Structure formats: C-alpha cells, structure tokens
C-alpha cells in the first residue's frame, strides 16, 4: 500500500476480543496506518500490539457510550477517516443505539467504507484499489427517482 490510511476501529463489548484478534492477525498492515479507536477498544488493541512488539499509531477517543462513536463520526464527516471496522454486537441491546446508527449513517453518507464483520474487513484491507493512484470513489448521488407513468 502506497498511502497511509486512517482506519477507525470500534467494537462492542461482546465483540472486543474478536476485533483485537483481527487486529493482531493484521498487525503488519495496520501498523503502517493511523488507527483511531473508541476508548476501551483502542486500549485493548494497543496492549495486544505491545505484547507482540508491534509499534502502531493508535489514537483513543472516549468509549462509545461516552461519545466515542460520535467523535469518530465527526472525523468521518470531516473526511479524516478512510475506512472503518465496527464489530457490532447484534445479539444484545446497546444503550447508545442512536450514536451507533449515527456513525453507520455518516459512513454511508460520506462514502467511507465500513466493515461490520471480520470477513468484510479482510476484503477491505486487501483491496488493490488502495494502491491505485487514479482510482477515485464515486460520490453517492442523492437524487429522487421518478417513475414513468404509462
């Protein structure tokens, strides 16, 4: 990969171990980029990297329920995040569901790729499009579709 990306890493409590395992597995790739994480997730990733002797640029925001999801969403809106990995716990209710949906929505609206499982995250980080200087993602088009009447 030629350019340095800013990658957001977020995981709910029941998915944190999964995200840390994924991050360690992909440490060679991730250590070449800037990581921005919600608080607890970021600290767990830092700790796991330190145990493996991996040096990485990891910035921790607040924890999700204390505004970390909103902080990362703000970075998305400001075009300061290139991609996101958000391992969501779909089996348990989250008290800050509105913030979660807001982060997901901002990624969609601002055309930031977001992976919600390890498989899609693996596909994203191995995409050859990151290396193409001439590739520019098409901006979403929000126009009303009008049906023709017969």
Foldseek 3Di string as FASTA:
>chain_A
DPDAFEEEEAEDPVCLVVSLVLCVVVLVLQQSHAYEYEAPSQVSNVVSCVVVVGHHHYHYDHHVVVCSLVVVLVCLLVVRHQAYEYAYDPPDDDPPVVSVVSSVVSCVQSVHHYHHDSVVVVVVSPDCLVVDPPDDDDHDDDDDDDDDDD
